[in-house]
C-alpha cells in the first residue's frame, strides 16, 4: 500500500524508531564504489573540468611502454625508435532515483513532512549507492586480466614455477588450491609482484574469502601457526556481492593500490546552483553531498506542482501540492591504461573448492 496510507490519522498509533526500522531498509555496503571514490584524485585530476557537458566525451592520453633494446655495441650513426602515446575514453554511468512528497498527505499523517522527506531522501541515496556499487564491481570484473594461459604462465613463472598451469583462461582467473588457503594472500601478492607491480595492493574480497582472510590475519605469534605476516601492504575491501559464480570457495580482485578510480561528475548548472523558483513549478537545480559521509556528490532537481491526491482516500486531497525530487549520481570508472589487448592491472584470484 503506497502513499503512507497506513499512517493516516484514523487510529491511535505510533512509529518505530529509525534504528528499529533499519532491517526493513537494509542495503549492501557500497565498498567497491567507496574504494573507487577514494582514488579519484590520483587518476585524472581534471576530469570534472574536462567534461563540461554530458554530451562531451573525455579522452585520456597516456604514454605507451618502450621495450628494452638488444644492442651491445656503440655506433656513430645510432638511431632509435620514437615513443608513442595511447588513448582511452572514460565511460560515465548515470543512476537516477526519484520520489514525490504530497504536502497534505504529510499534514494528515502521523509521519510529518520532515520525517517523510528524510526517509525518502535517505532511501534514494542508498539506492543510488547500491546501484553504483554493482556497476563498479561489474566494471572491474569486465576489465580484469584476460590473457591466455601460455602468456600468464610465463608472467607468473617466478611466483609459481616454470610452466605453471594454474591460470584458467576460460574464467580468466588464477586458481589456488585448497592447500594454499592459509597463504592465499601471500600468493596474491606474489602474483602481482611477478607482474612487476612493486607497491601496496588493493584487494576486493567476497564474503566467503574475506572471512577466511580475517581468520588468517588474526593468527599471531602466540598461535601455533603465525600467518599474519603476509597481510602487510594490503588494503582490503569486503563486498557483499558475488564476484565470480564459477568459484564457490571464494574470489578476490587484486590490483596495485590506488589503481581503481571512480570519477564523480556533476552538471555545471547544478554545481553553480539555480534557485530561481524555489518551491515553484520551475524548481531548483543544485548538488548534494552523500549524507552518509561518502565522497559521492549527486545532482539534485526539485520542483513543486499542484495535484489531486484524493485517490489516496485516507490522506489525500483534491487540492494538494506535490514536491517532486530527482537525485542523479554520475560516475566514470577507470583503471590505468595498458596497451596490450586483454591485459589489465586487475587480476582475479580464486580459491578452488575444498577447505584446508
Protein backbone atom coordinates (compact mmCIF):
# COMPACT_ATOMS: atom_id res chain seq x y z
CA UNK A 1 0.00 0.00 0.00
CA UNK A 2 1.65 3.24 -1.14
CA UNK A 3 1.40 6.92 -0.16
CA UNK A 4 1.95 6.29 3.55
CA UNK A 5 -1.72 5.31 3.78
CA UNK A 6 -1.27 3.13 6.87
CA UNK A 7 -0.06 6.19 8.77
CA UNK A 8 -3.20 8.29 8.19
CA UNK A 9 -4.58 9.76 11.38
CA UNK A 10 -7.59 7.48 11.73
CA UNK A 11 -6.24 5.27 14.53
CA UNK A 12 -4.19 5.83 17.63
CA UNK A 13 -0.70 4.80 16.54
CA UNK A 14 3.00 5.44 16.93
CA UNK A 15 6.16 4.98 14.86
CA UNK A 16 9.07 2.57 15.36
CA UNK A 17 12.46 4.12 15.93
CA UNK A 18 14.78 4.66 13.00
CA UNK A 19 17.15 2.02 14.35
CA UNK A 20 14.31 -0.50 14.63
CA UNK A 21 13.28 0.26 11.04
CA UNK A 22 16.82 -0.35 9.73
CA UNK A 23 16.38 -4.08 8.89
CA UNK A 24 13.50 -3.26 6.53
CA UNK A 25 15.63 -0.73 4.68
CA UNK A 26 18.99 -2.54 4.73
CA UNK A 27 21.24 -2.38 1.68
CA UNK A 28 24.60 -3.81 0.71
CA UNK A 29 27.60 -1.78 1.79
CA UNK A 30 28.91 0.15 -1.23
CA UNK A 31 32.53 -0.81 -0.54
CA UNK A 32 33.63 -1.12 -4.18
CA UNK A 33 32.30 2.32 -5.12
CA UNK A 34 33.78 3.84 -1.96
CA UNK A 35 37.20 2.40 -2.82
CA UNK A 36 36.97 3.93 -6.29
CA UNK A 37 35.97 7.34 -4.95
CA UNK A 38 38.96 7.43 -2.59
CA UNK A 39 41.25 7.14 -5.60
CA UNK A 40 39.66 9.72 -7.91
CA UNK A 41 42.20 12.49 -7.22
CA UNK A 42 45.23 10.37 -8.18
CA UNK A 43 43.96 9.20 -11.57
CA UNK A 44 42.63 12.02 -13.76
CA UNK A 45 42.63 15.14 -11.60
CA UNK A 46 40.96 17.42 -14.17
CA UNK A 47 38.23 15.02 -15.31
CA UNK A 48 35.47 17.13 -13.76
CA UNK A 49 36.62 20.23 -15.65
CA UNK A 50 37.15 18.39 -18.93
CA UNK A 51 33.62 17.04 -19.15
CA UNK A 52 31.76 20.33 -19.24
CA UNK A 53 28.66 18.72 -20.73
CA UNK A 54 27.04 15.25 -20.66
CA UNK A 55 27.29 15.38 -24.47
CA UNK A 56 31.07 15.62 -24.32
CA UNK A 57 33.35 12.59 -24.29
CA UNK A 58 36.55 12.61 -22.27
CA UNK A 59 39.67 11.16 -23.89
CA UNK A 60 42.65 10.39 -21.67
CA UNK A 61 46.11 10.24 -23.22
CA UNK A 62 48.84 8.02 -21.78
CA UNK A 63 52.43 7.23 -22.76
CA UNK A 64 52.99 3.71 -24.02
CA UNK A 65 55.73 1.46 -22.71
CA UNK A 66 59.07 1.45 -24.54
CA UNK A 67 60.53 -2.04 -24.75
CA UNK A 68 64.19 -2.67 -23.92
CA UNK A 69 66.56 -2.87 -26.88
CA UNK A 70 69.10 -5.58 -27.69
CA UNK A 71 72.17 -3.56 -28.76
CA UNK A 72 75.52 -4.22 -27.06
CA UNK A 73 77.88 -2.04 -29.15
CA UNK A 74 78.23 1.66 -29.77
CA UNK A 75 77.59 3.11 -33.26
CA UNK A 76 78.45 6.50 -34.79
CA UNK A 77 75.12 6.69 -36.62
CA UNK A 78 72.91 5.44 -33.84
CA UNK A 79 69.18 5.79 -34.37
CA UNK A 80 66.31 4.96 -32.12
CA UNK A 81 62.56 4.48 -32.10
CA UNK A 82 60.18 7.29 -31.31
CA UNK A 83 57.90 6.79 -28.33
CA UNK A 84 54.16 6.61 -28.74
CA UNK A 85 51.03 7.51 -26.84
CA UNK A 86 47.67 5.83 -26.47
CA UNK A 87 44.13 6.98 -25.72
CA UNK A 88 41.30 5.70 -23.60
CA UNK A 89 37.79 7.05 -23.23
CA UNK A 90 36.13 7.48 -19.86
CA UNK A 91 32.65 5.95 -19.90
CA UNK A 92 30.29 7.60 -17.45
CA UNK A 93 27.36 5.69 -15.96
CA UNK A 94 24.35 7.52 -14.58
CA UNK A 95 21.87 6.30 -11.98
CA UNK A 96 18.70 8.24 -11.16
CA UNK A 97 16.28 7.96 -8.23
CA UNK A 98 13.06 9.98 -7.90
CA UNK A 99 10.45 10.46 -5.21
CA UNK A 100 7.30 12.53 -4.63
CA UNK A 101 6.03 14.08 -1.43
CA UNK A 102 2.43 15.37 -1.25
CA UNK A 103 2.16 18.05 1.41
CA UNK A 104 -1.42 17.33 2.56
CA UNK A 105 -0.76 13.61 2.87
CA UNK A 106 2.09 14.57 5.17
CA UNK A 107 -0.15 17.01 7.06
CA UNK A 108 -2.79 14.34 7.66
CA UNK A 109 -0.33 11.62 8.69
CA UNK A 110 1.35 10.55 11.90
CA UNK A 111 4.60 10.96 9.98
CA UNK A 112 5.24 14.63 9.37
CA UNK A 113 6.70 16.15 6.22
CA UNK A 114 10.24 16.31 7.58
CA UNK A 115 10.13 12.65 8.63
CA UNK A 116 8.79 11.53 5.25
CA UNK A 117 11.32 13.61 3.39
CA UNK A 118 14.23 12.35 5.49
CA UNK A 119 13.17 8.75 4.88
CA UNK A 120 12.70 9.12 1.12
CA UNK A 121 15.87 11.17 0.69
CA UNK A 122 17.97 8.63 2.58
CA UNK A 123 16.43 5.72 0.67
CA UNK A 124 17.14 7.47 -2.65
CA UNK A 125 20.79 7.85 -1.65
CA UNK A 126 21.02 4.23 -0.50
CA UNK A 127 19.58 3.07 -3.82
CA UNK A 128 21.94 5.27 -5.83
CA UNK A 129 24.98 3.95 -3.97
CA UNK A 130 23.86 0.33 -4.21
CA UNK A 131 23.30 0.62 -7.96
CA UNK A 132 26.65 2.32 -8.49
CA UNK A 133 28.37 -0.31 -6.34
CA UNK A 134 27.02 -3.01 -8.66
CA UNK A 135 28.27 -1.05 -11.69
CA UNK A 136 31.69 -0.55 -10.10
CA UNK A 137 32.22 -4.27 -9.49
CA UNK A 138 30.90 -5.10 -12.97
CA UNK A 139 33.43 -2.67 -14.46
CA UNK A 140 36.32 -4.25 -12.58
CA UNK A 141 35.25 -7.78 -13.49
CA UNK A 142 34.81 -6.90 -17.17
CA UNK A 143 38.22 -5.23 -17.27
CA UNK A 144 40.32 -7.77 -15.35
CA UNK A 145 43.28 -9.57 -16.95
CA UNK A 146 42.02 -11.67 -19.87
CA UNK A 147 45.21 -13.16 -21.35
CA UNK A 148 45.94 -16.71 -22.47
CA UNK A 149 47.24 -19.44 -20.20
CA UNK A 150 50.56 -19.51 -22.07
CA UNK A 151 51.09 -15.79 -21.62
CA UNK A 152 50.17 -15.85 -17.94
CA UNK A 153 52.28 -18.96 -17.25
CA UNK A 154 55.34 -17.09 -18.49
CA UNK A 155 54.40 -13.98 -16.50
CA UNK A 156 53.80 -15.89 -13.29
CA UNK A 157 56.71 -18.34 -13.64
CA UNK A 158 58.82 -16.63 -10.96
CA UNK A 159 55.95 -16.95 -8.47
CA UNK A 160 54.58 -20.41 -9.28
CA UNK A 161 57.33 -22.15 -11.23
CA UNK A 162 58.12 -22.57 -14.91
CA UNK A 163 55.17 -23.88 -16.90
CA UNK A 164 52.70 -23.08 -14.13
CA UNK A 165 49.22 -24.16 -15.23
CA UNK A 166 47.07 -22.61 -12.51
CA UNK A 167 45.79 -19.83 -14.79
CA UNK A 168 42.30 -20.56 -16.14
CA UNK A 169 41.95 -18.76 -19.48
CA UNK A 170 38.26 -19.60 -19.73
CA UNK A 171 37.34 -17.88 -16.46
CA UNK A 172 40.40 -15.59 -16.58
CA UNK A 173 41.35 -16.37 -13.01
CA UNK A 174 44.41 -17.52 -11.12
CA UNK A 175 43.27 -20.64 -9.29
CA UNK A 176 44.79 -21.52 -5.93
CA UNK A 177 44.27 -24.93 -4.40
CA UNK A 178 42.72 -25.57 -1.01
CA UNK A 179 46.19 -26.41 0.27
CA UNK A 180 47.20 -22.79 -0.37
CA UNK A 181 44.39 -21.35 1.70
CA UNK A 182 46.45 -20.27 4.71
CA UNK A 183 48.87 -18.46 2.37
CA UNK A 184 46.24 -17.21 -0.05
CA UNK A 185 47.15 -13.52 0.29
CA UNK A 186 50.86 -14.29 0.11
CA UNK A 187 50.17 -15.95 -3.25
CA UNK A 188 48.05 -12.98 -4.37
CA UNK A 189 50.95 -10.64 -3.58
CA UNK A 190 53.37 -12.99 -5.33
CA UNK A 191 51.25 -12.97 -8.50
CA UNK A 192 51.12 -9.17 -8.56
CA UNK A 193 54.80 -8.85 -7.71
CA UNK A 194 55.70 -11.27 -10.51
CA UNK A 195 53.69 -8.95 -12.80
CA UNK A 196 56.07 -6.11 -11.76
CA UNK A 197 53.60 -4.29 -9.53
CA UNK A 198 56.02 -3.34 -6.77
CA UNK A 199 53.72 -1.45 -4.44
CA UNK A 200 50.94 -1.84 -1.93
CA UNK A 201 47.82 -3.63 -3.10
CA UNK A 202 44.05 -3.08 -3.02
CA UNK A 203 42.16 -6.36 -2.64
CA UNK A 204 38.39 -6.70 -3.03
CA UNK A 205 37.17 -9.94 -1.49
CA UNK A 206 33.76 -11.61 -1.46
CA UNK A 207 32.20 -12.55 1.88
CA UNK A 208 33.48 -16.12 1.92
CA UNK A 209 37.06 -15.20 1.07
CA UNK A 210 37.13 -12.17 3.37
CA UNK A 211 36.02 -14.38 6.27
CA UNK A 212 38.94 -16.72 5.64
CA UNK A 213 41.33 -13.79 5.23
CA UNK A 214 40.17 -12.27 8.51
CA UNK A 215 40.77 -15.58 10.26
CA UNK A 216 44.34 -15.84 8.99
CA UNK A 217 45.04 -12.16 9.68
CA UNK A 218 44.45 -12.85 13.34
CA UNK A 219 46.79 -15.80 13.66
CA UNK A 220 49.56 -14.03 15.59
CA UNK A 221 52.90 -15.09 17.01
CA UNK A 222 51.26 -16.68 20.04
CA UNK A 223 49.45 -19.21 17.90
CA UNK A 224 50.75 -22.49 16.55
CA UNK A 225 50.98 -21.10 13.02
CA UNK A 226 51.65 -17.39 12.52
CA UNK A 227 50.11 -16.35 9.20
CA UNK A 228 49.54 -12.67 9.97
CA UNK A 229 52.88 -11.55 8.45
CA UNK A 230 51.58 -11.82 4.87
CA UNK A 231 49.00 -9.02 5.11
CA UNK A 232 51.38 -6.07 5.29
CA UNK A 233 50.87 -3.62 2.43
CA UNK A 234 47.35 -4.82 1.64
CA UNK A 235 44.18 -2.72 1.76
CA UNK A 236 41.09 -4.89 1.96
CA UNK A 237 37.53 -4.13 0.89
CA UNK A 238 34.80 -6.67 1.60
CA UNK A 239 31.97 -6.80 -0.89
CA UNK A 240 28.63 -8.47 -0.20
CA UNK A 241 28.28 -9.25 -3.91
CA UNK A 242 29.29 -12.47 -5.62
CA UNK A 243 32.44 -11.75 -7.64
CA UNK A 244 32.54 -14.92 -9.75
CA UNK A 245 29.88 -17.66 -9.62
CA UNK A 246 32.36 -20.15 -11.10
CA UNK A 247 34.12 -20.37 -7.75
CA UNK A 248 32.20 -21.44 -4.66
CA UNK A 249 35.17 -21.23 -2.27
CA UNK A 250 35.80 -17.50 -2.64
CA UNK A 251 37.34 -14.95 -5.01
CA UNK A 252 39.27 -11.69 -4.84
CA UNK A 253 40.07 -8.97 -7.35
CA UNK A 254 43.56 -7.67 -6.65
CA UNK A 255 45.40 -4.66 -8.07
CA UNK A 256 48.06 -2.07 -7.22
CA UNK A 257 46.88 0.33 -4.53
CA UNK A 258 45.03 3.30 -5.98
CA UNK A 259 44.61 1.72 -9.43
CA UNK A 260 40.81 1.68 -9.46
CA UNK A 261 39.28 5.14 -9.53
CA UNK A 262 35.74 6.46 -9.61
CA UNK A 263 35.27 9.91 -11.13
CA UNK A 264 32.16 11.62 -9.78
CA UNK A 265 30.76 14.20 -12.21
CA UNK A 266 28.09 16.89 -11.87
CA UNK A 267 26.48 19.14 -14.46
CA UNK A 268 27.70 22.71 -14.48
CA UNK A 269 24.37 24.39 -13.74
CA UNK A 270 23.81 22.08 -10.79
CA UNK A 271 27.27 22.89 -9.44
CA UNK A 272 26.60 26.62 -9.88
CA UNK A 273 23.12 26.26 -8.39
CA UNK A 274 19.92 27.60 -9.95
CA UNK A 275 17.46 28.68 -7.26
CA UNK A 276 15.26 30.92 -9.42
CA UNK A 277 11.96 29.28 -8.46
CA UNK A 278 12.43 27.50 -5.19
CA UNK A 279 9.13 25.92 -4.26
CA UNK A 280 7.56 26.64 -7.66
CA UNK A 281 6.77 24.72 -10.83
CA UNK A 282 10.19 25.50 -12.38
CA UNK A 283 12.07 24.45 -9.27
CA UNK A 284 15.75 24.38 -8.47
CA UNK A 285 18.93 22.67 -9.62
CA UNK A 286 21.77 22.04 -7.18
CA UNK A 287 24.06 19.32 -5.82
CA UNK A 288 24.19 17.42 -2.55
CA UNK A 289 26.92 15.50 -0.74
CA UNK A 290 26.43 11.92 0.36
CA UNK A 291 24.53 12.19 3.68
CA UNK A 292 26.26 9.04 4.92
CA UNK A 293 29.70 10.64 4.79
CA UNK A 294 30.98 9.24 1.48
CA UNK A 295 32.65 11.24 -1.28
CA UNK A 296 29.82 10.96 -3.83
CA UNK A 297 28.03 14.14 -4.94
CA UNK A 298 24.62 13.91 -6.62
CA UNK A 299 22.83 16.32 -8.93
CA UNK A 300 19.52 17.47 -7.41
CA UNK A 301 16.44 18.64 -9.28
CA UNK A 302 13.31 19.67 -7.39
CA UNK A 303 10.04 21.37 -8.30
CA UNK A 304 6.50 21.67 -6.87
CA UNK A 305 3.19 21.22 -8.67
CA UNK A 306 -0.49 21.35 -7.81
CA UNK A 307 -2.09 17.89 -7.87
CA UNK A 308 -5.19 15.91 -7.00
CA UNK A 309 -4.13 13.27 -4.48
CA UNK A 310 -7.68 12.28 -3.48
CA UNK A 311 -7.10 8.80 -4.90
CA UNK A 312 -5.41 8.19 -1.58
CA UNK A 313 -8.73 8.20 0.28
CA UNK A 314 -7.10 8.04 3.72
CA UNK A 315 -4.91 11.13 3.48
CA UNK A 316 -5.09 12.78 0.08
CA UNK A 317 -6.94 15.84 -1.16
CA UNK A 318 -8.34 17.14 -4.47
CA UNK A 319 -6.24 20.23 -3.85
CA UNK A 320 -2.72 19.27 -2.90
CA UNK A 321 0.83 20.41 -3.60
CA UNK A 322 3.36 17.72 -4.50
CA UNK A 323 7.11 18.20 -4.28
CA UNK A 324 8.96 16.21 -6.96
CA UNK A 325 12.59 15.25 -6.27
CA UNK A 326 15.23 13.71 -8.52
CA UNK A 327 18.72 12.61 -7.47
CA UNK A 328 21.32 11.69 -10.11
CA UNK A 329 24.69 10.10 -9.41
CA UNK A 330 27.09 10.05 -12.38
CA UNK A 331 30.30 8.04 -12.11
CA UNK A 332 33.11 7.24 -14.53
CA UNK A 333 35.17 4.20 -13.53
CA UNK A 334 38.77 3.88 -14.73
CA UNK A 335 41.86 1.72 -14.24
CA UNK A 336 45.37 2.51 -15.50
CA UNK A 337 45.57 2.02 -19.29
CA UNK A 338 47.67 -0.81 -20.75
CA UNK A 339 48.41 -1.03 -24.47
CA UNK A 340 48.39 -4.86 -24.65
CA UNK A 341 44.94 -6.17 -25.56
CA UNK A 342 43.43 -8.19 -22.73
CA UNK A 343 45.99 -7.04 -20.19
CA UNK A 344 44.96 -5.22 -17.00
CA UNK A 345 46.20 -4.11 -13.62
CA UNK A 346 43.26 -6.03 -12.10
CA UNK A 347 43.74 -9.76 -11.54
CA UNK A 348 41.17 -12.29 -10.41
CA UNK A 349 42.45 -14.88 -7.93
CA UNK A 350 40.08 -17.63 -6.85
CA UNK A 351 40.08 -20.49 -4.39
CA UNK A 352 39.11 -23.77 -5.95
CA UNK A 353 36.70 -25.93 -3.97
CA UNK A 354 37.96 -27.54 -0.80
CA UNK A 355 38.98 -26.26 2.59
CA UNK A 356 42.29 -26.90 4.30
